[in-house]
N, C-alpha and C. Protein backbone atom coordinates (compact mmCIF):
# COMPACT_ATOMS: atom_id res chain seq x y z
N MET A 1 25.03 26.66 -11.79
CA MET A 1 25.35 28.03 -11.45
C MET A 1 24.11 28.72 -10.89
N LYS A 2 24.34 29.54 -9.86
CA LYS A 2 23.20 30.24 -9.25
C LYS A 2 23.69 31.55 -8.66
N VAL A 3 22.89 32.61 -8.82
CA VAL A 3 23.18 33.91 -8.21
C VAL A 3 21.92 34.38 -7.49
N GLU A 4 22.07 34.74 -6.23
CA GLU A 4 20.95 35.24 -5.44
C GLU A 4 21.35 36.57 -4.80
N LEU A 5 20.49 37.56 -4.89
CA LEU A 5 20.75 38.86 -4.26
C LEU A 5 20.24 38.81 -2.83
N LEU A 6 21.16 38.83 -1.87
CA LEU A 6 20.81 38.66 -0.46
C LEU A 6 20.48 39.98 0.25
N HIS A 7 21.22 41.03 -0.08
CA HIS A 7 21.08 42.27 0.69
C HIS A 7 21.46 43.47 -0.18
N VAL A 8 20.72 44.56 -0.01
CA VAL A 8 21.01 45.83 -0.68
C VAL A 8 21.09 46.89 0.40
N SER A 9 22.12 47.75 0.34
CA SER A 9 22.38 48.72 1.42
C SER A 9 21.54 50.00 1.30
N GLY A 10 20.44 49.94 0.61
CA GLY A 10 19.57 51.09 0.43
C GLY A 10 18.74 50.87 -0.82
N ARG A 11 18.51 51.95 -1.57
CA ARG A 11 17.77 51.85 -2.84
C ARG A 11 18.61 52.47 -3.94
N ASP A 12 18.43 51.99 -5.15
CA ASP A 12 19.20 52.55 -6.25
C ASP A 12 18.89 54.04 -6.45
N LEU A 13 17.68 54.47 -6.10
CA LEU A 13 17.33 55.89 -6.24
C LEU A 13 18.10 56.78 -5.25
N ASP A 14 18.62 56.17 -4.17
CA ASP A 14 19.44 56.93 -3.22
C ASP A 14 20.71 57.46 -3.89
N ILE A 15 21.18 56.78 -4.93
CA ILE A 15 22.38 57.21 -5.65
C ILE A 15 22.20 58.64 -6.14
N ALA A 16 21.03 58.92 -6.72
CA ALA A 16 20.75 60.27 -7.22
C ALA A 16 20.71 61.28 -6.08
N GLN A 17 20.09 60.88 -4.98
CA GLN A 17 20.00 61.78 -3.83
C GLN A 17 21.39 62.14 -3.32
N TYR A 18 22.28 61.14 -3.23
CA TYR A 18 23.64 61.40 -2.76
C TYR A 18 24.39 62.29 -3.75
N ALA A 19 24.15 62.10 -5.04
CA ALA A 19 24.86 62.87 -6.07
C ALA A 19 24.54 64.36 -6.00
N ARG A 20 23.38 64.71 -5.47
CA ARG A 20 22.96 66.11 -5.46
C ARG A 20 23.86 66.98 -4.58
N ILE A 21 24.62 66.39 -3.68
CA ILE A 21 25.50 67.16 -2.80
C ILE A 21 26.52 67.97 -3.61
N SER A 22 26.88 67.46 -4.81
CA SER A 22 27.88 68.17 -5.62
C SER A 22 27.39 69.56 -6.03
N HIS A 23 26.09 69.77 -6.05
CA HIS A 23 25.51 71.08 -6.36
C HIS A 23 24.94 71.74 -5.10
N GLY A 24 25.24 71.15 -3.94
CA GLY A 24 24.79 71.73 -2.68
C GLY A 24 23.32 71.52 -2.39
N HIS A 25 22.67 70.60 -3.10
CA HIS A 25 21.24 70.34 -2.89
C HIS A 25 21.07 69.27 -1.83
N LEU A 26 20.51 69.64 -0.70
CA LEU A 26 20.34 68.69 0.40
C LEU A 26 18.89 68.31 0.63
N ASN A 27 17.96 68.95 -0.08
CA ASN A 27 16.55 68.64 0.09
C ASN A 27 16.23 67.24 -0.41
N LYS A 28 15.14 66.68 0.09
CA LYS A 28 14.65 65.39 -0.42
C LYS A 28 13.91 65.62 -1.72
N TYR A 29 14.12 64.74 -2.66
CA TYR A 29 13.45 64.83 -3.95
C TYR A 29 12.55 63.62 -4.13
N SER A 30 11.60 63.74 -5.02
CA SER A 30 10.67 62.64 -5.27
C SER A 30 11.38 61.49 -5.97
N ASP A 31 10.79 60.31 -5.89
CA ASP A 31 11.35 59.16 -6.58
C ASP A 31 11.45 59.40 -8.08
N GLU A 32 10.47 60.09 -8.63
CA GLU A 32 10.49 60.37 -10.07
C GLU A 32 11.65 61.30 -10.43
N ASP A 33 11.89 62.32 -9.61
CA ASP A 33 13.02 63.22 -9.83
C ASP A 33 14.35 62.46 -9.71
N ASN A 34 14.43 61.60 -8.70
CA ASN A 34 15.66 60.83 -8.50
C ASN A 34 15.88 59.84 -9.65
N LYS A 35 14.80 59.27 -10.16
CA LYS A 35 14.94 58.34 -11.28
C LYS A 35 15.48 59.07 -12.52
N LYS A 36 14.99 60.28 -12.77
CA LYS A 36 15.48 61.06 -13.91
C LYS A 36 16.95 61.38 -13.74
N LEU A 37 17.35 61.79 -12.53
CA LEU A 37 18.76 62.12 -12.31
C LEU A 37 19.63 60.88 -12.40
N LEU A 38 19.15 59.75 -11.87
CA LEU A 38 19.90 58.50 -11.96
C LEU A 38 20.21 58.16 -13.42
N ARG A 39 19.20 58.28 -14.28
CA ARG A 39 19.39 58.02 -15.72
C ARG A 39 20.39 59.00 -16.33
N LYS A 40 20.29 60.24 -15.93
CA LYS A 40 21.21 61.26 -16.47
C LYS A 40 22.64 60.97 -16.05
N LEU A 41 22.84 60.67 -14.77
CA LEU A 41 24.18 60.34 -14.28
C LEU A 41 24.77 59.16 -15.05
N PHE A 42 23.95 58.14 -15.24
CA PHE A 42 24.41 56.94 -15.92
C PHE A 42 24.75 57.26 -17.38
N ARG A 43 23.87 57.98 -18.04
CA ARG A 43 24.07 58.30 -19.46
C ARG A 43 25.33 59.14 -19.68
N LEU A 44 25.59 60.08 -18.77
CA LEU A 44 26.75 60.97 -18.91
C LEU A 44 28.05 60.35 -18.39
N GLY A 45 27.95 59.14 -17.81
CA GLY A 45 29.15 58.47 -17.30
C GLY A 45 29.62 59.00 -15.96
N HIS A 46 28.75 59.68 -15.23
CA HIS A 46 29.08 60.14 -13.88
C HIS A 46 28.77 59.00 -12.90
N HIS A 47 29.66 58.03 -12.83
CA HIS A 47 29.39 56.80 -12.09
C HIS A 47 29.89 56.81 -10.64
N GLU A 48 30.60 57.85 -10.23
CA GLU A 48 31.12 57.89 -8.86
C GLU A 48 30.03 57.70 -7.80
N PRO A 49 28.86 58.37 -7.91
CA PRO A 49 27.83 58.18 -6.88
C PRO A 49 27.29 56.75 -6.81
N PHE A 50 27.48 55.97 -7.87
CA PHE A 50 27.00 54.58 -7.88
C PHE A 50 27.75 53.72 -6.86
N GLU A 51 28.89 54.23 -6.38
CA GLU A 51 29.67 53.48 -5.39
C GLU A 51 28.99 53.45 -4.02
N PHE A 52 27.96 54.28 -3.83
CA PHE A 52 27.29 54.35 -2.52
C PHE A 52 26.27 53.24 -2.30
N LEU A 53 25.94 52.49 -3.35
CA LEU A 53 24.98 51.40 -3.19
C LEU A 53 25.73 50.07 -3.22
N ASN A 54 25.64 49.32 -2.14
CA ASN A 54 26.31 48.02 -2.04
C ASN A 54 25.29 46.89 -2.06
N MET A 55 25.67 45.80 -2.72
CA MET A 55 24.81 44.64 -2.84
C MET A 55 25.61 43.39 -2.49
N ILE A 56 25.00 42.49 -1.73
CA ILE A 56 25.64 41.22 -1.38
C ILE A 56 24.90 40.10 -2.08
N PHE A 57 25.65 39.27 -2.79
CA PHE A 57 25.11 38.16 -3.56
C PHE A 57 25.63 36.83 -3.01
N ARG A 58 24.81 35.80 -3.14
CA ARG A 58 25.26 34.42 -2.92
C ARG A 58 25.45 33.81 -4.30
N VAL A 59 26.62 33.25 -4.54
CA VAL A 59 26.96 32.75 -5.87
C VAL A 59 27.45 31.31 -5.78
N GLU A 60 26.95 30.48 -6.68
CA GLU A 60 27.48 29.14 -6.88
C GLU A 60 27.97 29.06 -8.31
N CYS A 61 29.23 28.68 -8.49
CA CYS A 61 29.81 28.55 -9.82
C CYS A 61 31.08 27.70 -9.71
N SER A 62 31.68 27.41 -10.85
CA SER A 62 32.92 26.64 -10.82
C SER A 62 34.07 27.50 -10.32
N ILE A 63 35.15 26.85 -9.91
CA ILE A 63 36.35 27.57 -9.49
C ILE A 63 36.90 28.39 -10.65
N VAL A 64 36.78 27.89 -11.86
CA VAL A 64 37.24 28.63 -13.05
C VAL A 64 36.51 29.96 -13.15
N ALA A 65 35.17 29.95 -13.07
CA ALA A 65 34.39 31.18 -13.17
C ALA A 65 34.66 32.09 -11.97
N GLU A 66 34.85 31.49 -10.80
CA GLU A 66 35.15 32.28 -9.60
C GLU A 66 36.45 33.06 -9.78
N ARG A 67 37.44 32.45 -10.43
CA ARG A 67 38.71 33.14 -10.67
C ARG A 67 38.53 34.30 -11.64
N GLN A 68 37.66 34.12 -12.62
CA GLN A 68 37.37 35.22 -13.55
C GLN A 68 36.67 36.36 -12.81
N LEU A 69 35.78 36.01 -11.92
CA LEU A 69 35.06 37.00 -11.13
C LEU A 69 36.02 37.82 -10.28
N LEU A 70 37.03 37.17 -9.73
CA LEU A 70 37.95 37.85 -8.82
C LEU A 70 38.97 38.72 -9.54
N ARG A 71 38.99 38.69 -10.84
CA ARG A 71 39.85 39.64 -11.57
C ARG A 71 39.33 41.06 -11.39
N HIS A 72 38.09 41.19 -10.92
CA HIS A 72 37.48 42.50 -10.67
C HIS A 72 37.64 42.80 -9.18
N ARG A 73 38.79 43.38 -8.83
CA ARG A 73 39.12 43.51 -7.42
C ARG A 73 38.68 44.83 -6.80
N VAL A 74 38.38 45.83 -7.61
CA VAL A 74 38.04 47.14 -7.05
C VAL A 74 36.55 47.20 -6.77
N GLY A 75 36.20 47.52 -5.53
CA GLY A 75 34.80 47.68 -5.17
C GLY A 75 34.09 46.37 -4.88
N ILE A 76 34.84 45.29 -4.66
CA ILE A 76 34.19 44.04 -4.30
C ILE A 76 34.85 43.44 -3.06
N SER A 77 34.09 42.64 -2.34
CA SER A 77 34.58 41.87 -1.20
C SER A 77 34.00 40.47 -1.32
N LYS A 78 34.73 39.45 -0.84
CA LYS A 78 34.28 38.08 -1.03
C LYS A 78 34.66 37.21 0.15
N VAL A 79 33.75 36.29 0.52
CA VAL A 79 34.03 35.21 1.45
C VAL A 79 33.57 33.93 0.76
N GLU A 80 34.43 32.92 0.72
CA GLU A 80 34.13 31.71 -0.04
C GLU A 80 34.13 30.48 0.86
N ARG A 81 33.29 29.51 0.50
CA ARG A 81 33.31 28.22 1.19
C ARG A 81 34.71 27.64 1.06
N SER A 82 35.29 27.21 2.14
CA SER A 82 36.65 26.69 2.11
C SER A 82 36.65 25.16 2.13
N LEU A 83 37.23 24.58 1.10
CA LEU A 83 37.37 23.12 1.07
C LEU A 83 38.49 22.65 1.99
N ARG A 84 39.09 23.60 2.68
CA ARG A 84 40.02 23.23 3.75
C ARG A 84 39.24 22.70 4.94
N TYR A 85 38.02 23.21 5.12
CA TYR A 85 37.19 22.82 6.26
C TYR A 85 35.95 22.02 5.85
N VAL A 86 35.40 22.32 4.68
CA VAL A 86 34.16 21.68 4.22
C VAL A 86 34.51 20.49 3.35
N LYS A 87 33.90 19.36 3.63
CA LYS A 87 34.12 18.15 2.82
C LYS A 87 32.97 18.00 1.83
N LEU A 88 33.31 17.88 0.56
CA LEU A 88 32.28 17.66 -0.45
C LEU A 88 31.59 16.33 -0.19
N GLN A 89 30.28 16.31 -0.34
CA GLN A 89 29.51 15.11 -0.02
C GLN A 89 29.11 14.28 -1.23
N ASP A 90 29.06 14.91 -2.42
CA ASP A 90 28.65 14.13 -3.59
C ASP A 90 29.35 14.64 -4.84
N ALA A 91 29.31 13.84 -5.86
CA ALA A 91 30.02 14.15 -7.11
C ALA A 91 29.24 15.12 -7.98
N GLY A 92 28.13 15.63 -7.52
CA GLY A 92 27.35 16.59 -8.29
C GLY A 92 27.85 18.01 -8.15
N ASN A 93 29.00 18.18 -7.54
CA ASN A 93 29.57 19.51 -7.30
C ASN A 93 30.53 19.96 -8.38
N PHE A 94 30.28 19.56 -9.63
CA PHE A 94 31.19 19.88 -10.71
C PHE A 94 30.44 20.51 -11.88
N TYR A 95 31.12 21.38 -12.59
CA TYR A 95 30.55 22.05 -13.76
C TYR A 95 31.06 21.36 -15.03
N ILE A 96 30.14 21.00 -15.90
CA ILE A 96 30.49 20.42 -17.20
C ILE A 96 30.03 21.41 -18.27
N PRO A 97 30.95 21.96 -19.06
CA PRO A 97 30.56 22.94 -20.08
C PRO A 97 29.54 22.36 -21.06
N PRO A 98 28.37 22.99 -21.20
CA PRO A 98 27.35 22.47 -22.11
C PRO A 98 27.74 22.59 -23.58
N GLU A 99 28.78 23.38 -23.87
CA GLU A 99 29.24 23.54 -25.25
C GLU A 99 29.94 22.29 -25.77
N LEU A 100 30.36 21.42 -24.87
CA LEU A 100 31.03 20.18 -25.28
C LEU A 100 30.02 19.21 -25.89
N SER A 101 30.52 18.33 -26.76
CA SER A 101 29.63 17.31 -27.34
C SER A 101 29.15 16.38 -26.23
N LYS A 102 28.04 15.70 -26.47
CA LYS A 102 27.49 14.77 -25.47
C LYS A 102 28.52 13.71 -25.10
N GLU A 103 29.24 13.24 -26.09
CA GLU A 103 30.26 12.21 -25.84
C GLU A 103 31.36 12.76 -24.94
N THR A 104 31.81 13.96 -25.23
CA THR A 104 32.87 14.57 -24.42
C THR A 104 32.35 14.88 -23.02
N GLN A 105 31.12 15.34 -22.92
CA GLN A 105 30.53 15.60 -21.60
C GLN A 105 30.53 14.32 -20.76
N GLU A 106 30.24 13.20 -21.38
CA GLU A 106 30.24 11.93 -20.65
C GLU A 106 31.64 11.57 -20.17
N ARG A 107 32.63 11.83 -21.02
CA ARG A 107 34.02 11.56 -20.62
C ARG A 107 34.44 12.46 -19.46
N VAL A 108 34.04 13.72 -19.52
CA VAL A 108 34.36 14.66 -18.44
C VAL A 108 33.67 14.22 -17.15
N LYS A 109 32.42 13.81 -17.26
CA LYS A 109 31.68 13.32 -16.08
C LYS A 109 32.39 12.14 -15.44
N GLN A 110 32.86 11.21 -16.26
CA GLN A 110 33.59 10.05 -15.74
C GLN A 110 34.88 10.47 -15.04
N PHE A 111 35.57 11.46 -15.63
CA PHE A 111 36.79 11.97 -15.01
C PHE A 111 36.48 12.57 -13.64
N TYR A 112 35.42 13.40 -13.58
CA TYR A 112 35.02 14.00 -12.31
C TYR A 112 34.70 12.93 -11.27
N GLU A 113 33.99 11.89 -11.70
CA GLU A 113 33.62 10.81 -10.77
C GLU A 113 34.85 10.10 -10.22
N LYS A 114 35.84 9.88 -11.09
CA LYS A 114 37.09 9.25 -10.64
C LYS A 114 37.83 10.16 -9.66
N ALA A 115 37.89 11.45 -9.99
CA ALA A 115 38.57 12.40 -9.11
C ALA A 115 37.86 12.47 -7.76
N PHE A 116 36.52 12.47 -7.79
CA PHE A 116 35.77 12.55 -6.55
C PHE A 116 35.96 11.28 -5.72
N LYS A 117 36.03 10.13 -6.39
CA LYS A 117 36.26 8.87 -5.67
C LYS A 117 37.61 8.91 -4.96
N LEU A 118 38.65 9.40 -5.67
CA LEU A 118 39.97 9.50 -5.06
C LEU A 118 39.93 10.51 -3.90
N TYR A 119 39.23 11.60 -4.11
CA TYR A 119 39.08 12.61 -3.06
C TYR A 119 38.48 11.99 -1.79
N LYS A 120 37.41 11.20 -1.95
CA LYS A 120 36.76 10.56 -0.80
C LYS A 120 37.73 9.59 -0.10
N GLU A 121 38.51 8.86 -0.91
CA GLU A 121 39.50 7.95 -0.31
C GLU A 121 40.54 8.71 0.50
N LEU A 122 40.99 9.83 -0.06
CA LEU A 122 41.99 10.64 0.64
C LEU A 122 41.44 11.23 1.93
N LEU A 123 40.14 11.55 1.95
CA LEU A 123 39.54 12.07 3.18
C LEU A 123 39.62 11.07 4.32
N ASN A 124 39.66 9.76 3.99
CA ASN A 124 39.79 8.73 5.01
C ASN A 124 41.21 8.59 5.51
N GLU A 125 42.14 9.14 4.74
CA GLU A 125 43.56 8.99 5.08
C GLU A 125 44.21 10.25 5.62
N THR A 126 43.66 11.40 5.24
CA THR A 126 44.31 12.66 5.58
C THR A 126 43.27 13.76 5.78
N SER A 127 43.72 14.97 5.94
CA SER A 127 42.82 16.09 6.20
C SER A 127 42.15 16.59 4.91
N ALA A 128 41.04 17.30 5.08
CA ALA A 128 40.34 17.88 3.93
C ALA A 128 41.23 18.87 3.20
N GLN A 129 42.07 19.61 3.93
CA GLN A 129 42.91 20.60 3.28
C GLN A 129 43.95 19.96 2.37
N LEU A 130 44.34 18.71 2.61
CA LEU A 130 45.26 18.02 1.70
C LEU A 130 44.51 17.29 0.60
N ALA A 131 43.37 16.71 0.94
CA ALA A 131 42.58 15.98 -0.06
C ALA A 131 42.09 16.90 -1.18
N ARG A 132 41.82 18.14 -0.87
CA ARG A 132 41.27 19.07 -1.87
C ARG A 132 42.20 19.32 -3.05
N TYR A 133 43.48 19.02 -2.91
CA TYR A 133 44.44 19.28 -3.98
C TYR A 133 44.12 18.53 -5.27
N ILE A 134 43.44 17.41 -5.17
CA ILE A 134 43.19 16.63 -6.39
C ILE A 134 41.85 16.98 -7.05
N LEU A 135 41.10 17.90 -6.48
CA LEU A 135 39.82 18.29 -7.08
C LEU A 135 40.05 19.14 -8.33
N PRO A 136 39.31 18.88 -9.41
CA PRO A 136 39.46 19.64 -10.66
C PRO A 136 38.98 21.08 -10.53
N LEU A 137 39.44 21.94 -11.44
CA LEU A 137 39.03 23.34 -11.43
C LEU A 137 37.54 23.49 -11.75
N GLY A 138 36.92 22.46 -12.30
CA GLY A 138 35.49 22.50 -12.57
C GLY A 138 34.64 22.25 -11.33
N THR A 139 35.29 22.06 -10.18
CA THR A 139 34.55 21.88 -8.93
C THR A 139 33.78 23.16 -8.62
N ASN A 140 32.51 23.02 -8.25
CA ASN A 140 31.70 24.19 -7.90
C ASN A 140 32.08 24.71 -6.53
N THR A 141 32.02 26.01 -6.40
CA THR A 141 32.27 26.66 -5.13
C THR A 141 31.08 27.55 -4.79
N ILE A 142 31.00 27.97 -3.54
CA ILE A 142 29.92 28.84 -3.07
C ILE A 142 30.57 30.02 -2.37
N MET A 143 30.05 31.22 -2.64
CA MET A 143 30.63 32.41 -2.00
C MET A 143 29.56 33.46 -1.77
N HIS A 144 29.87 34.37 -0.88
CA HIS A 144 29.13 35.61 -0.73
C HIS A 144 30.06 36.69 -1.27
N ILE A 145 29.54 37.51 -2.16
CA ILE A 145 30.36 38.55 -2.76
C ILE A 145 29.60 39.87 -2.74
N GLN A 146 30.31 40.92 -2.39
CA GLN A 146 29.70 42.25 -2.32
C GLN A 146 30.24 43.11 -3.45
N PHE A 147 29.34 43.72 -4.21
CA PHE A 147 29.70 44.69 -5.24
C PHE A 147 29.06 46.02 -4.86
N ASN A 148 29.75 47.14 -5.17
CA ASN A 148 28.99 48.38 -5.22
C ASN A 148 28.46 48.49 -6.66
N ALA A 149 27.49 49.37 -6.87
CA ALA A 149 26.82 49.42 -8.17
C ALA A 149 27.78 49.77 -9.30
N ARG A 150 28.78 50.59 -9.01
CA ARG A 150 29.75 50.95 -10.05
C ARG A 150 30.62 49.77 -10.43
N SER A 151 31.09 49.02 -9.44
CA SER A 151 31.94 47.86 -9.74
C SER A 151 31.13 46.76 -10.42
N LEU A 152 29.85 46.61 -10.07
CA LEU A 152 29.01 45.63 -10.74
C LEU A 152 28.82 46.01 -12.20
N TYR A 153 28.59 47.30 -12.46
CA TYR A 153 28.46 47.75 -13.85
C TYR A 153 29.73 47.43 -14.64
N HIS A 154 30.88 47.68 -14.06
CA HIS A 154 32.15 47.40 -14.74
C HIS A 154 32.29 45.91 -15.04
N PHE A 155 31.95 45.08 -14.06
CA PHE A 155 31.99 43.63 -14.26
C PHE A 155 31.08 43.22 -15.43
N LEU A 156 29.85 43.72 -15.43
CA LEU A 156 28.91 43.37 -16.50
C LEU A 156 29.39 43.88 -17.86
N GLU A 157 29.94 45.08 -17.87
CA GLU A 157 30.43 45.66 -19.13
C GLU A 157 31.50 44.78 -19.77
N LEU A 158 32.37 44.21 -18.95
CA LEU A 158 33.44 43.37 -19.48
C LEU A 158 33.00 41.94 -19.74
N ARG A 159 32.15 41.40 -18.88
CA ARG A 159 31.87 39.97 -18.93
C ARG A 159 30.60 39.59 -19.71
N LEU A 160 29.87 40.56 -20.22
CA LEU A 160 28.72 40.25 -21.07
C LEU A 160 29.07 40.30 -22.56
N GLN A 161 30.34 40.45 -22.87
CA GLN A 161 30.77 40.49 -24.26
C GLN A 161 30.82 39.09 -24.86
N ASP A 162 30.62 39.02 -26.18
CA ASP A 162 30.51 37.73 -26.87
C ASP A 162 31.76 36.86 -26.75
N HIS A 163 32.94 37.47 -26.68
CA HIS A 163 34.18 36.68 -26.67
C HIS A 163 34.51 36.07 -25.30
N VAL A 164 33.73 36.42 -24.28
CA VAL A 164 34.00 35.95 -22.92
C VAL A 164 33.67 34.47 -22.80
N GLN A 165 34.43 33.78 -21.97
CA GLN A 165 34.18 32.36 -21.69
C GLN A 165 32.70 32.17 -21.35
N PRO A 166 32.04 31.19 -21.98
CA PRO A 166 30.57 31.04 -21.83
C PRO A 166 30.07 30.98 -20.39
N GLU A 167 30.73 30.22 -19.52
CA GLU A 167 30.23 30.13 -18.14
C GLU A 167 30.30 31.49 -17.45
N THR A 168 31.38 32.22 -17.68
CA THR A 168 31.52 33.54 -17.05
C THR A 168 30.49 34.51 -17.60
N ARG A 169 30.20 34.43 -18.90
CA ARG A 169 29.16 35.28 -19.50
C ARG A 169 27.79 34.95 -18.90
N GLU A 170 27.50 33.65 -18.71
CA GLU A 170 26.23 33.25 -18.09
C GLU A 170 26.15 33.74 -16.65
N LEU A 171 27.28 33.72 -15.96
CA LEU A 171 27.32 34.22 -14.59
C LEU A 171 27.00 35.71 -14.57
N ALA A 172 27.58 36.47 -15.50
CA ALA A 172 27.30 37.91 -15.59
C ALA A 172 25.82 38.14 -15.89
N LYS A 173 25.23 37.35 -16.79
CA LYS A 173 23.80 37.49 -17.09
C LYS A 173 22.97 37.23 -15.84
N ALA A 174 23.38 36.26 -15.04
CA ALA A 174 22.64 35.95 -13.82
C ALA A 174 22.71 37.11 -12.82
N PHE A 175 23.88 37.77 -12.71
CA PHE A 175 23.99 38.95 -11.86
C PHE A 175 23.05 40.05 -12.35
N LEU A 176 23.01 40.27 -13.65
CA LEU A 176 22.14 41.30 -14.21
C LEU A 176 20.67 40.97 -13.94
N GLU A 177 20.26 39.75 -14.24
CA GLU A 177 18.86 39.36 -14.11
C GLU A 177 18.35 39.40 -12.68
N VAL A 178 19.22 39.07 -11.71
CA VAL A 178 18.77 39.03 -10.32
C VAL A 178 18.49 40.44 -9.79
N LEU A 179 19.02 41.47 -10.44
CA LEU A 179 18.71 42.84 -10.02
C LEU A 179 17.22 43.14 -10.14
N ALA A 180 16.56 42.46 -11.08
CA ALA A 180 15.12 42.67 -11.27
C ALA A 180 14.30 42.06 -10.14
N SER A 181 14.92 41.24 -9.29
CA SER A 181 14.18 40.53 -8.25
C SER A 181 13.90 41.37 -7.01
N LYS A 182 14.55 42.52 -6.90
CA LYS A 182 14.35 43.36 -5.71
C LYS A 182 13.88 44.75 -6.12
N GLU A 183 12.95 45.27 -5.36
CA GLU A 183 12.45 46.63 -5.61
C GLU A 183 13.59 47.65 -5.53
N GLU A 184 14.53 47.41 -4.63
CA GLU A 184 15.62 48.37 -4.39
C GLU A 184 16.59 48.50 -5.55
N THR A 185 16.58 47.52 -6.49
CA THR A 185 17.55 47.54 -7.59
C THR A 185 16.90 47.50 -8.97
N LYS A 186 15.59 47.70 -9.02
CA LYS A 186 14.90 47.56 -10.32
C LYS A 186 15.33 48.65 -11.31
N ASN A 187 15.66 49.85 -10.82
CA ASN A 187 16.11 50.92 -11.72
C ASN A 187 17.49 50.61 -12.28
N LEU A 188 18.37 50.04 -11.44
CA LEU A 188 19.68 49.60 -11.94
C LEU A 188 19.51 48.55 -13.01
N TYR A 189 18.59 47.62 -12.76
CA TYR A 189 18.33 46.57 -13.75
C TYR A 189 17.93 47.20 -15.08
N GLU A 190 17.03 48.16 -15.04
CA GLU A 190 16.57 48.81 -16.27
C GLU A 190 17.73 49.51 -16.99
N LEU A 191 18.53 50.28 -16.24
CA LEU A 191 19.64 51.00 -16.86
C LEU A 191 20.66 50.04 -17.48
N PHE A 192 21.08 49.06 -16.67
CA PHE A 192 22.12 48.14 -17.15
C PHE A 192 21.62 47.29 -18.32
N SER A 193 20.41 46.76 -18.22
CA SER A 193 19.91 45.88 -19.28
C SER A 193 19.65 46.65 -20.57
N GLU A 194 19.16 47.89 -20.45
CA GLU A 194 18.94 48.69 -21.66
C GLU A 194 20.26 48.91 -22.40
N LYS A 195 21.30 49.21 -21.65
CA LYS A 195 22.60 49.46 -22.27
C LYS A 195 23.15 48.20 -22.92
N PHE A 196 23.12 47.10 -22.21
CA PHE A 196 23.76 45.89 -22.73
C PHE A 196 22.91 45.23 -23.82
N LEU A 197 21.59 45.32 -23.72
CA LEU A 197 20.75 44.78 -24.78
C LEU A 197 20.89 45.60 -26.06
N LYS A 198 20.98 46.93 -25.88
CA LYS A 198 21.12 47.79 -27.05
C LYS A 198 22.47 47.56 -27.74
N GLU A 199 23.53 47.40 -26.91
CA GLU A 199 24.86 47.20 -27.50
C GLU A 199 25.05 45.78 -27.97
N GLY A 200 24.32 44.82 -27.36
CA GLY A 200 24.48 43.41 -27.73
C GLY A 200 23.73 43.12 -28.97
């Protein structure tokens, strides 16, 4: 599993600047002033201005986790690698849950290898779009997905909970952690991580 933050449509501090229009304030404010207002908006649950910041991520995960991700349909857009056109080249494109015993992991690995072998045979006989039908749900996929800051917060709020499927929870953690990698989203990282660490 991998999450990379590819693009941010501005800075997280711009959220505060945009929010000031509700009080008719159009002047530019300092970063420190905007940071204070950003925290206040977040704390009070005034999340509407967070929709103005969009982020595009590159994500690699299993089809199972991808389906969980897509349950969050508001404020997101996605383009995914299509196995209708792309042919898998090796059997390393599968997710094996680490929670399984070593013995069971080995059995799952053998199953994946058999499925991949059949997949390769079918590619010699038919199109990729037909061969893909026999690939397991643990097959890894790659996508570009866009969240606005409000929809990302909602995703994290739901998917960082203890009862969530482990792979999906790890995926949510990866989304949270990658926010720290860009100057434009470091304040979001601080706000989101403080909330979830405190509640976790």
